[in-house]
Protein backbone atom coordinates (compact mmCIF):
# COMPACT_ATOMS: atom_id res chain seq x y z
CA MET A 1 259.64 97.77 101.83
CA LYS A 2 260.88 98.02 105.41
CA ARG A 3 261.89 101.45 106.59
CA ARG A 4 265.18 102.42 108.17
CA ALA A 5 264.84 102.82 111.93
CA TYR A 6 264.55 106.40 113.12
CA LEU A 7 266.10 106.92 116.55
CA VAL A 8 266.31 109.97 118.74
CA THR A 9 267.03 110.31 122.47
CA ALA A 10 266.59 112.93 125.13
CA ALA A 11 268.01 113.28 128.61
CA ALA A 12 265.73 112.64 131.55
CA ALA A 13 264.31 115.66 133.34
CA THR A 14 263.71 116.25 137.04
CA LEU A 15 260.20 115.08 137.94
CA GLY A 16 257.69 116.44 140.38
CA GLY A 17 255.32 114.57 142.65
CA CYS A 18 252.53 112.11 141.89
CA SER A 19 248.84 112.72 141.38
CA ALA A 20 246.72 111.96 144.41
CA LEU A 21 244.29 110.11 142.15
CA SER A 22 246.74 107.70 140.53
CA ASN A 23 250.01 105.87 140.95
CA SER A 24 253.53 107.02 140.20
CA GLU A 25 253.00 106.71 136.48
CA THR A 26 251.05 109.97 136.56
CA SER A 27 254.02 112.00 137.76
CA ASP A 28 253.79 114.72 135.18
CA GLU A 29 253.58 117.97 137.10
CA PRO A 30 253.56 121.43 135.48
CA ASN A 31 257.07 122.29 136.70
CA ASP A 32 258.59 119.52 134.62
CA ASP A 33 256.58 120.27 131.49
CA ASP A 34 258.16 121.90 128.46
CA ASP A 35 255.50 124.46 127.62
CA ASP A 36 258.02 127.30 127.89
CA ASP A 37 260.27 125.85 125.21
CA ASP A 38 260.79 127.43 121.81
CA ASP A 39 257.83 126.39 119.64
CA SER A 40 259.93 126.76 116.54
CA SER A 41 261.99 123.75 117.54
CA ASP A 42 259.00 121.43 117.41
CA SER A 43 258.04 119.53 114.31
CA GLN A 44 254.78 120.82 112.91
CA ASP A 45 252.21 119.20 110.69
CA PRO A 46 249.30 120.25 108.50
CA ILE A 47 246.17 120.25 110.62
CA ASP A 48 243.51 117.60 109.95
CA GLU A 49 240.33 118.43 111.85
CA SER A 50 238.45 115.26 110.89
CA ALA A 51 237.88 112.59 113.50
CA GLY A 52 239.36 109.16 112.94
CA SER A 53 242.83 107.70 112.55
CA PHE A 54 245.26 110.61 112.87
CA ASP A 55 248.75 109.10 113.14
CA GLN A 56 249.81 105.58 112.21
CA PHE A 57 253.42 106.09 113.33
CA ASP A 58 254.97 105.47 109.93
CA ASP A 59 256.81 108.80 110.09
CA LEU A 60 258.27 109.88 113.42
CA SER A 61 259.54 113.23 112.19
CA MET A 62 256.38 114.86 113.55
CA TRP A 63 257.26 113.77 117.10
CA THR A 64 259.73 115.41 119.47
CA VAL A 65 261.26 113.21 122.17
CA MET A 66 261.21 114.88 125.56
CA GLU A 67 262.60 111.99 127.61
CA GLY A 68 263.76 108.47 126.78
CA SER A 69 263.87 107.40 123.14
CA LEU A 70 261.60 106.74 120.19
CA GLU A 71 262.27 104.68 117.08
CA LEU A 72 260.37 102.99 114.29
CA ASP A 73 259.84 99.27 114.85
CA ASN A 74 259.15 97.41 111.61
CA GLU A 75 258.80 94.08 113.42
CA ARG A 76 255.68 95.04 115.34
CA ALA A 77 252.66 97.02 114.19
CA PHE A 78 248.93 97.39 114.68
CA VAL A 79 248.31 99.04 111.32
CA GLY A 80 250.68 99.40 108.41
CA GLU A 81 254.23 98.05 108.51
CA GLN A 82 255.64 99.61 111.66
CA SER A 83 254.92 101.26 114.98
CA GLY A 84 256.62 103.67 117.34
CA ARG A 85 258.72 102.03 120.05
CA MET A 86 259.12 104.24 123.14
CA GLU A 87 261.83 103.25 125.63
CA ALA A 88 263.23 104.46 128.93
CA THR A 89 266.32 102.95 130.50
CA GLU A 90 266.89 102.30 134.20
CA SER A 91 268.58 105.71 134.48
CA GLU A 92 265.55 107.52 133.01
CA ARG A 93 262.41 107.93 135.04
CA ARG A 94 260.02 107.98 132.09
CA VAL A 95 259.69 108.19 128.33
CA MET A 96 257.73 111.06 126.79
CA ILE A 97 257.08 112.14 123.22
CA LYS A 98 255.26 115.20 121.92
CA ARG A 99 253.51 116.23 118.74
CA ARG A 100 252.60 119.88 118.30
CA PHE A 101 249.73 120.82 115.99
CA ASP A 102 250.47 123.37 113.29
CA GLN A 103 247.29 125.15 114.37
CA PRO A 104 245.39 124.62 117.65
CA ARG A 105 243.16 121.60 117.22
CA ASP A 106 239.51 121.73 118.25
CA LEU A 107 238.78 118.67 120.40
CA SER A 108 235.53 120.01 121.80
CA ASP A 109 233.73 116.86 120.64
CA GLU A 110 236.59 114.33 120.57
CA PHE A 111 239.08 112.46 122.76
CA PRO A 112 242.19 110.51 121.78
CA ALA A 113 242.31 106.72 121.74
CA MET A 114 245.05 104.51 120.33
CA ALA A 115 246.77 101.13 120.12
CA PHE A 116 249.37 100.13 122.69
CA ALA A 117 251.48 97.13 123.66
CA THR A 118 254.05 96.70 126.43
CA GLU A 119 256.14 94.01 128.08
CA GLN A 120 256.08 95.66 131.52
CA ASP A 121 253.36 96.59 133.96
CA VAL A 122 253.01 100.18 132.81
CA ASN A 123 249.93 102.19 131.90
CA PRO A 124 250.58 104.89 129.26
CA ILE A 125 249.40 108.46 129.70
CA VAL A 126 248.16 110.71 126.90
CA GLN A 127 248.20 114.42 127.65
CA LEU A 128 246.38 117.25 125.88
CA THR A 129 247.69 120.79 126.47
CA ASP A 130 245.82 123.90 125.40
CA THR A 131 247.36 127.13 124.14
CA ASP A 132 247.46 128.54 127.71
CA GLY A 133 249.30 125.52 129.13
CA ASN A 134 246.29 123.92 130.87
CA ARG A 135 246.31 120.15 130.62
CA LEU A 136 244.01 117.14 130.48
CA LEU A 137 245.62 113.79 131.29
CA LEU A 138 244.14 110.47 130.19
CA GLN A 139 245.30 106.93 130.83
CA CYS A 140 244.59 103.31 129.91
CA ASP A 141 245.38 99.93 131.44
CA VAL A 142 247.60 97.85 129.12
CA PRO A 143 248.29 94.27 130.32
CA PRO A 144 251.94 93.32 129.70
CA GLY A 145 252.99 90.68 127.21
CA LEU A 146 250.00 90.91 124.85
CA SER A 147 249.83 91.89 121.20
CA PHE A 148 248.74 95.33 120.10
CA ALA A 149 245.18 96.32 121.00
CA GLN A 150 243.25 99.56 120.72
CA HIS A 151 242.57 101.23 124.05
CA ASP A 152 240.00 103.82 125.09
CA LEU A 153 241.53 106.46 127.35
CA GLY A 154 239.90 107.71 130.54
CA ILE A 155 240.48 110.95 132.44
CA ILE A 156 242.85 110.82 135.40
CA ARG A 157 243.17 114.52 136.14
CA THR A 158 243.32 118.08 134.88
CA ASP A 159 245.83 120.84 135.54
CA GLY A 160 244.07 124.17 135.27
CA ASP A 161 240.92 124.43 133.16
CA PRO A 162 241.85 123.01 129.75
CA ASP A 163 240.13 124.50 126.73
CA LEU A 164 239.56 121.51 124.45
CA SER A 165 238.64 123.81 121.58
CA SER A 166 242.25 125.01 121.41
CA ILE A 167 244.70 122.15 121.94
CA ALA A 168 248.29 123.06 121.13
CA HIS A 169 249.94 119.67 121.42
CA ILE A 170 249.58 116.05 122.50
CA LYS A 171 252.06 114.01 124.53
CA ILE A 172 252.40 110.29 125.18
CA SER A 173 254.36 109.11 128.21
CA ALA A 174 255.03 106.11 130.42
CA TRP A 175 256.52 106.02 133.89
CA ALA A 176 259.69 103.96 134.35
CA GLY A 177 260.98 104.77 137.82
CA ASP A 178 264.09 102.66 138.48
CA ARG A 179 263.51 100.10 135.71
CA SER A 180 263.62 100.04 131.95
CA VAL A 181 260.31 100.08 130.07
CA THR A 182 259.24 99.67 126.46
CA VAL A 183 255.89 100.78 125.10
CA TRP A 184 254.79 100.37 121.48
CA CYS A 185 252.26 102.89 120.15
CA ASP A 186 250.27 102.98 116.93
CA ASP A 187 247.10 104.23 115.26
CA LEU A 188 246.31 107.39 117.21
CA HIS A 189 242.62 108.19 116.78
CA PHE A 190 240.44 111.13 117.65
CA VAL A 191 237.10 109.65 118.70
CA SER A 192 233.73 111.35 119.08
CA ARG A 193 232.19 112.00 122.51
CA PRO A 194 228.50 111.94 123.52
CA ASP A 195 226.38 115.10 123.57
CA THR A 196 225.72 114.43 127.28
CA GLY A 197 227.84 112.45 129.72
CA LYS A 198 226.78 108.82 130.16
CA VAL A 199 227.06 106.75 133.36
CA LEU A 200 226.64 102.98 133.70
CA LEU A 201 226.15 101.16 137.02
CA GLN A 202 227.40 97.59 137.23
CA PHE A 203 227.61 94.84 139.84
CA ASP A 204 229.87 91.80 139.49
CA ALA A 205 230.30 88.26 140.78
CA GLY A 206 226.62 87.35 141.24
CA ASP A 207 226.79 87.95 145.00
CA GLU A 208 223.43 87.88 146.77
CA SER A 209 224.06 91.45 147.92
CA THR A 210 223.34 92.52 144.34
CA ALA A 211 219.73 91.48 144.80
CA THR A 212 219.52 92.89 148.32
CA ARG A 213 221.73 95.86 149.11
CA ALA A 214 222.30 97.07 145.53
CA ARG A 215 218.62 96.68 144.66
CA SER A 216 217.64 98.49 147.84
CA ALA A 217 220.07 101.34 147.16
CA LEU A 218 218.71 101.80 143.64
CA SER A 219 215.06 101.52 144.67
CA ASP A 220 214.81 105.27 145.26
CA TYR A 221 216.08 106.05 141.76
CA ASP A 222 214.90 105.15 138.30
CA PHE A 223 218.40 104.08 137.23
CA PRO A 224 219.15 101.13 134.96
CA ALA A 225 221.87 98.81 136.24
CA THR A 226 223.63 95.64 135.11
CA ALA A 227 224.38 92.47 137.06
CA PHE A 228 227.12 90.26 135.61
CA VAL A 229 226.55 86.74 136.91
CA PRO A 230 228.68 83.58 136.88
CA THR A 231 225.85 81.41 135.66
CA ASP A 232 226.99 78.11 137.24
CA TYR A 233 226.62 79.74 140.67
CA VAL A 234 223.08 81.05 140.29
CA GLY A 235 221.00 79.66 143.14
CA GLY A 236 224.03 78.58 145.14
CA SER A 237 224.73 79.58 148.73
CA GLY A 238 225.51 83.29 148.91
CA TYR A 239 224.66 83.89 145.25
CA VAL A 240 221.62 85.34 143.50
CA SER A 241 218.79 83.01 142.60
CA ARG A 242 217.05 82.83 139.27
CA GLY A 243 213.94 84.36 140.87
CA GLN A 244 215.97 87.29 142.19
CA LEU A 245 217.44 87.85 138.73
CA GLU A 246 213.95 87.81 137.23
CA THR A 247 212.87 90.45 139.74
CA LEU A 248 215.85 92.62 138.92
CA GLN A 249 215.15 92.29 135.21
CA SER A 250 211.51 93.27 135.72
CA GLU A 251 212.77 96.43 137.46
CA GLY A 252 214.89 97.45 134.48
CA TRP A 253 218.18 95.69 135.22
CA THR A 254 220.26 93.97 132.54
CA ILE A 255 221.30 90.45 133.51
CA ALA A 256 224.59 89.85 131.72
CA SER A 257 227.40 87.33 131.52
CA GLY A 258 230.27 86.90 133.95
CA SER A 259 231.12 83.59 132.23
CA THR A 260 230.03 80.34 133.88
CA ALA A 261 232.34 80.76 136.89
CA SER A 262 233.92 83.63 138.80
CA GLY A 263 237.56 82.53 138.38
CA GLY A 264 239.77 84.32 135.89
CA LEU A 265 239.90 83.23 132.26
CA ALA A 266 243.35 84.51 131.35
CA GLY A 267 245.93 81.76 130.90
CA ARG A 268 243.42 79.00 130.28
CA SER A 269 243.26 77.12 126.98
CA GLU A 270 241.11 78.47 124.16
CA SER A 271 238.69 75.56 124.47
CA ALA A 272 238.31 76.09 128.23
CA GLN A 273 237.69 79.81 127.79
CA ARG A 274 235.27 79.23 124.93
CA ASP A 275 233.30 76.70 126.98
CA ARG A 276 232.90 79.15 129.86
CA ILE A 277 231.92 82.07 127.64
CA GLN A 278 229.54 80.13 125.41
CA GLY A 279 228.10 78.22 128.37
CA ALA A 280 227.07 81.44 130.08
CA ILE A 281 225.46 82.74 126.90
CA GLU A 282 223.45 79.53 126.53
CA TRP A 283 222.27 79.72 130.15
CA LEU A 284 221.19 83.34 129.84
CA GLU A 285 219.34 82.74 126.57
CA SER A 286 217.63 79.63 127.96
CA ASN A 287 216.46 81.36 131.13
CA GLY A 288 214.92 84.52 129.71
CA PHE A 289 217.93 86.83 129.91
CA GLU A 290 218.84 86.85 126.23
CA ASP A 291 219.15 90.66 126.07
CA GLY A 292 221.94 90.61 128.62
CA ALA A 293 223.80 87.83 126.82
CA SER A 294 225.26 90.47 124.53
CA TYR A 295 227.37 91.93 127.36
CA PHE A 296 230.30 90.50 129.27
CA GLY A 297 232.09 91.41 132.49
CA TYR A 298 235.61 89.98 132.63
CA PRO A 299 236.00 87.80 135.75
CA LEU A 300 238.56 89.37 138.12
CA ASN A 301 238.92 92.12 135.45
CA ARG A 302 241.66 90.13 133.72
CA TYR A 303 242.12 88.94 130.16
CA ASP A 304 244.59 87.64 127.64
CA GLU A 305 244.51 87.73 123.85
CA THR A 306 242.30 84.64 123.69
CA THR A 307 239.78 86.10 126.12
CA MET A 308 239.55 89.37 124.23
CA ALA A 309 239.13 87.61 120.88
CA LEU A 310 236.35 85.37 122.22
CA VAL A 311 234.55 88.31 123.84
CA GLU A 312 234.78 90.23 120.58
CA GLU A 313 233.36 87.20 118.75
CA HIS A 314 230.43 86.55 121.08
CA HIS A 315 229.49 89.87 122.72
CA ASP A 316 228.67 93.42 121.73
CA ILE A 317 230.66 94.87 124.65
CA GLY A 318 233.10 93.43 127.17
CA PHE A 319 233.74 95.47 130.34
CA VAL A 320 237.06 95.32 132.19
CA GLY A 321 238.84 97.28 134.90
CA GLY A 322 240.38 100.56 133.76
CA TYR A 323 239.78 104.31 133.83
CA GLY A 324 236.41 106.04 133.63
CA GLY A 325 235.66 109.05 131.48
CA HIS A 326 236.32 107.92 127.90
CA ALA A 327 234.85 108.82 124.53
CA ASP A 328 232.74 106.58 122.30
CA LEU A 329 234.25 103.10 122.33
CA LEU A 330 237.00 102.48 119.82
CA ASN A 331 237.46 98.92 121.13
CA PRO A 332 234.21 97.63 122.68
CA ALA A 333 235.82 94.27 123.50
CA ILE A 334 237.66 95.91 126.42
CA ALA A 335 235.47 98.82 127.53
CA PRO A 336 237.12 100.32 130.63
CA ARG A 337 235.28 100.64 133.92
CA ALA A 338 236.20 102.11 137.32
CA VAL A 339 236.14 99.32 139.91
CA GLY A 340 235.27 99.83 143.57
CA SER A 341 235.51 103.63 143.62
CA SER A 342 235.14 105.39 146.96
CA ALA A 343 232.39 108.00 147.21
CA ASP A 344 234.87 110.85 146.74
CA GLU A 345 236.52 109.15 143.75
CA ALA A 346 233.14 108.44 142.18
CA LYS A 347 231.97 112.03 142.69
CA GLN A 348 235.05 113.39 140.98
CA LEU A 349 234.58 110.95 138.10
CA LEU A 350 230.96 112.04 137.76
CA ASP A 351 231.90 115.71 137.75
CA GLN A 352 234.46 115.08 135.02
CA THR A 353 231.98 112.96 133.08
CA ALA A 354 229.48 115.81 133.13
CA LYS A 355 232.02 118.50 132.27
CA PHE A 356 233.74 116.66 129.41
CA ARG A 357 230.71 114.68 128.16
CA THR A 358 232.34 111.28 128.45
CA ILE A 359 231.28 107.75 129.36
CA THR A 360 231.97 106.40 132.85
CA THR A 361 231.15 102.93 134.12
CA LEU A 362 231.08 102.45 137.90
CA ASN A 363 231.57 98.82 138.87
CA TYR A 364 231.01 97.28 142.31
CA VAL A 365 231.90 93.77 143.43
CA ASP A 366 231.63 93.61 147.24
CA LEU A 367 228.94 95.76 148.84
CA SER A 368 229.83 94.99 152.43
CA GLY A 369 231.11 97.71 154.75
CA GLU A 370 232.31 100.98 153.22
CA SER A 371 231.64 99.87 149.63
CA GLY A 372 227.88 99.75 150.21
CA ALA A 373 227.91 103.14 151.90
CA ALA A 374 229.99 104.56 149.03
CA LEU A 375 227.41 103.28 146.54
CA GLU A 376 224.55 104.95 148.39
CA GLU A 377 226.38 108.28 148.62
CA THR A 378 227.36 108.07 144.95
CA LEU A 379 223.78 107.37 143.85
CA SER A 380 222.52 110.43 145.68
CA TYR A 381 225.14 112.63 144.04
CA LEU A 382 224.45 111.04 140.64
CA SER A 383 220.73 111.71 141.05
CA ASP A 384 221.38 115.41 141.57
CA LEU A 385 223.53 115.59 138.43
CA GLU A 386 220.98 113.72 136.35
CA SER A 387 218.12 115.87 137.64
CA ALA A 388 220.08 118.94 136.55
CA GLY A 389 220.48 117.46 133.07
CA ASP A 390 224.25 117.18 133.42
CA LEU A 391 224.39 113.39 133.03
CA GLU A 392 222.33 110.47 131.83
CA VAL A 393 222.35 107.02 133.44
CA VAL A 394 222.10 104.37 130.74
CA GLY A 395 222.40 100.64 130.22
CA PRO A 396 224.89 98.81 128.01
CA ASP A 397 222.35 98.66 125.19
CA ASP A 398 222.54 102.44 124.79
CA ILE A 399 226.34 102.32 124.51
CA ALA A 400 226.25 99.41 122.08
CA SER A 401 223.64 101.10 119.87
CA ASN A 402 224.85 104.70 119.98
CA HIS A 403 228.38 104.99 121.32
CA VAL A 404 230.62 102.49 119.58
CA TYR A 405 232.87 104.45 117.27
CA ASP A 406 232.51 103.38 113.64
CA GLY A 407 234.85 105.87 112.00
């Protein structure tokens, strides 16, 4: 039976400035938060401390709308018969909803992850606030116009020093600015985190600099790394050769798939995408790189529903541009990775990864100029953290075997 729509609206509030680490969607400063409101006005719920699916958005009475609007949508769902549709009009600068826990929830070993869909270019934010008002903000990259998909959320910033053992409430928001936006949300999970932070090092596009500058930079460290190669280009001018790939593999690298060519897959026919994905697997398996054939790096960090479905069918993990610092993978078909981070950005990601025991993938495409220098500085900093036991550098096999969430 379809449920009657539940609709509630709230006036927009005055917003503060933007985070220095993100775009305008992260405008969620403490002075526009609602932590001084009357707790008795918030809907409360019996606490469920078990990890797993926490809210399937079939009852919105637990959520308070802070800005914009929220209603049940029984025409679109990831699980069950309906989802929550969050909307902000052109006169509202964002939409935000909040769910307060009846008792502080212990998230010492968990992070949220959930299903999203949107028709606009907007990346939702999920915020955890502890009982003292300190906050942890996480975000995911949701391509517009696609069906629901589960997304793993990465850290974008903290306000204060959040105590994850005592989380008072969770918020979901999306920045609108001067346009209207709609975001569908469903199947909120709490997902386990590793005992120690994990870092993956990845290099895309099969550029010859992977076998020269990247290899040289890593030669002083015993770090595993992954090269995603467009297999049709191996041996071509400016690209890695098969012999170079064999050398990298002998030194502990994973040689993985970047499809057969470096151009994007999104928007191509299913048969064309399948040919490129399967063709790369066949080349890797025929040339002694069968272990890496289980892992995929999305060309140009773009995908559509067909791409994601084919990657899920043929690979253990698919890596795509997003936000570092997530929990165990809820959706390994689109594992987020930080692309082209500066040295300062990478250092901050590594510090957060160590502190919150998350998984961060650092991805590099072009190692010319400042990017190569940033890699070298990052590796030195990473080595210090690993030597101190704060982090562990791993390959994709470790994530696939030990850090894909199975409920």
